[in-house]
Amino acid sequence: MCTHEPRCPDSSANDGEAAVVVASHPEQGWSLLCNGIVLFEDTGELLPDGHAVAARRREMTAAAAHRAA
């Protein structure tokens, strides 16, 4: 899908979420990335092959010490 230079990371790459947003629907809570990932505002993902990646809110909260309280 990607036509950018340099190319966006593939959806299977560790940094796949770094791809360019091609469609954003914040009112619905999701964005479509150039590599086909649908990224949800709760940090969950739907990959192009249909697999779902669970939201990682706990990981993000643990990484931000000021939010752990």
C-alpha atoms as a PDB file:
ATOM      1  CA  MET A   1       0.000   0.000   0.000  1.00  0.00           C
ATOM      2  CA  CYS A   2       2.768   2.468   0.878  1.00  0.00           C
ATOM      3  CA  THR A   3       3.999   4.846  -1.790  1.00  0.00           C
ATOM      4  CA  HIS A   4       6.052   7.055   0.546  1.00  0.00           C
ATOM      5  CA  GLU A   5       9.838   7.452   0.459  1.00  0.00           C
ATOM      6  CA  PRO A   6      11.216   6.159   2.706  1.00  0.00           C
ATOM      7  CA  ARG A   7       8.616   3.426   2.825  1.00  0.00           C
ATOM      8  CA  CYS A   8       6.480   2.992   5.920  1.00  0.00           C
ATOM      9  CA  PRO A   9       7.192  -0.042   8.109  1.00  0.00           C
ATOM     10  CA  ASP A  10       5.339  -3.208   7.166  1.00  0.00           C
ATOM     11  CA  SER A  11       2.341  -4.162   9.298  1.00  0.00           C
ATOM     12  CA  SER A  12       4.293  -7.142  10.677  1.00  0.00           C
ATOM     13  CA  ALA A  13       7.268  -5.002  11.752  1.00  0.00           C
ATOM     14  CA  ASN A  14       7.820  -4.108  15.408  1.00  0.00           C
ATOM     15  CA  ASP A  15       7.364  -0.444  14.509  1.00  0.00           C
ATOM     16  CA  GLY A  16       4.355  -0.980  12.249  1.00  0.00           C
ATOM     17  CA  GLU A  17       2.391   1.664  14.176  1.00  0.00           C
ATOM     18  CA  ALA A  18       4.823   4.303  12.869  1.00  0.00           C
ATOM     19  CA  ALA A  19       3.230   4.213   9.405  1.00  0.00           C
ATOM     20  CA  VAL A  20       1.527   7.288   7.975  1.00  0.00           C
ATOM     21  CA  VAL A  21      -2.150   7.832   8.803  1.00  0.00           C
ATOM     22  CA  VAL A  22      -4.173   7.764   5.573  1.00  0.00           C
ATOM     23  CA  ALA A  23      -7.663   8.035   7.101  1.00  0.00           C
ATOM     24  CA  SER A  24      -8.526   9.374  10.538  1.00  0.00           C
ATOM     25  CA  HIS A  25     -11.888   9.072  12.260  1.00  0.00           C
ATOM     26  CA  PRO A  26     -11.354  10.355  15.824  1.00  0.00           C
ATOM     27  CA  GLU A  27     -15.100  10.644  16.341  1.00  0.00           C
ATOM     28  CA  GLN A  28     -15.263   6.863  15.895  1.00  0.00           C
ATOM     29  CA  GLY A  29     -11.959   6.181  17.662  1.00  0.00           C
ATOM     30  CA  TRP A  30      -9.854   4.719  14.844  1.00  0.00           C
ATOM     31  CA  SER A  31      -7.296   5.533  12.153  1.00  0.00           C
ATOM     32  CA  LEU A  32      -6.157   3.619   9.080  1.00  0.00           C
ATOM     33  CA  LEU A  33      -2.411   3.493   8.576  1.00  0.00           C
ATOM     34  CA  CYS A  34      -0.643   3.308   5.227  1.00  0.00           C
ATOM     35  CA  ASN A  35       0.421  -0.303   5.872  1.00  0.00           C
ATOM     36  CA  GLY A  36      -3.179  -1.462   6.379  1.00  0.00           C
ATOM     37  CA  ILE A  37      -3.282  -1.450  10.194  1.00  0.00           C
ATOM     38  CA  VAL A  38      -6.450  -0.072  11.783  1.00  0.00           C
ATOM     39  CA  LEU A  39      -5.292   1.604  14.988  1.00  0.00           C
ATOM     40  CA  PHE A  40      -7.880   2.182  17.704  1.00  0.00           C
ATOM     41  CA  GLU A  41      -7.716   4.950  20.296  1.00  0.00           C
ATOM     42  CA  ASP A  42      -7.453   2.387  23.118  1.00  0.00           C
ATOM     43  CA  THR A  43      -4.172   1.187  21.459  1.00  0.00           C
ATOM     44  CA  GLY A  44      -5.764  -1.961  20.072  1.00  0.00           C
ATOM     45  CA  GLU A  45      -5.106  -2.851  16.447  1.00  0.00           C
ATOM     46  CA  LEU A  46      -6.673  -4.771  13.602  1.00  0.00           C
ATOM     47  CA  LEU A  47      -4.006  -6.112  11.261  1.00  0.00           C
ATOM     48  CA  PRO A  48      -4.508  -6.456   7.490  1.00  0.00           C
ATOM     49  CA  ASP A  49      -4.642 -10.248   7.792  1.00  0.00           C
ATOM     50  CA  GLY A  50      -7.607  -9.990  10.184  1.00  0.00           C
ATOM     51  CA  HIS A  51      -5.737 -10.666  13.420  1.00  0.00           C
ATOM     52  CA  ALA A  52      -6.514  -8.425  16.377  1.00  0.00           C
ATOM     53  CA  VAL A  53      -3.940  -7.021  18.780  1.00  0.00           C
ATOM     54  CA  ALA A  54      -5.335  -6.340  22.246  1.00  0.00           C
ATOM     55  CA  ALA A  55      -5.157  -2.864  23.733  1.00  0.00           C
ATOM     56  CA  ARG A  56      -2.020  -2.162  25.746  1.00  0.00           C
ATOM     57  CA  ARG A  57      -3.342   0.388  28.225  1.00  0.00           C
ATOM     58  CA  ARG A  58      -1.781  -1.396  31.212  1.00  0.00           C
ATOM     59  CA  GLU A  59       1.653  -1.345  29.561  1.00  0.00           C
ATOM     60  CA  MET A  60       1.319   2.334  28.796  1.00  0.00           C
ATOM     61  CA  THR A  61       0.130   3.165  32.315  1.00  0.00           C
ATOM     62  CA  ALA A  62       3.014   1.197  33.844  1.00  0.00           C
ATOM     63  CA  ALA A  63       5.480   3.060  31.626  1.00  0.00           C
ATOM     64  CA  ALA A  64       4.170   6.409  32.870  1.00  0.00           C
ATOM     65  CA  ALA A  65       4.922   6.453  36.606  1.00  0.00           C
ATOM     66  CA  HIS A  66       2.803   9.541  37.232  1.00  0.00           C
ATOM     67  CA  ARG A  67      -0.274   7.643  36.007  1.00  0.00           C
ATOM     68  CA  ALA A  68       0.257   4.574  38.178  1.00  0.00           C
ATOM     69  CA  ALA A  69      -1.424   6.141  41.185  1.00  0.00           C
END
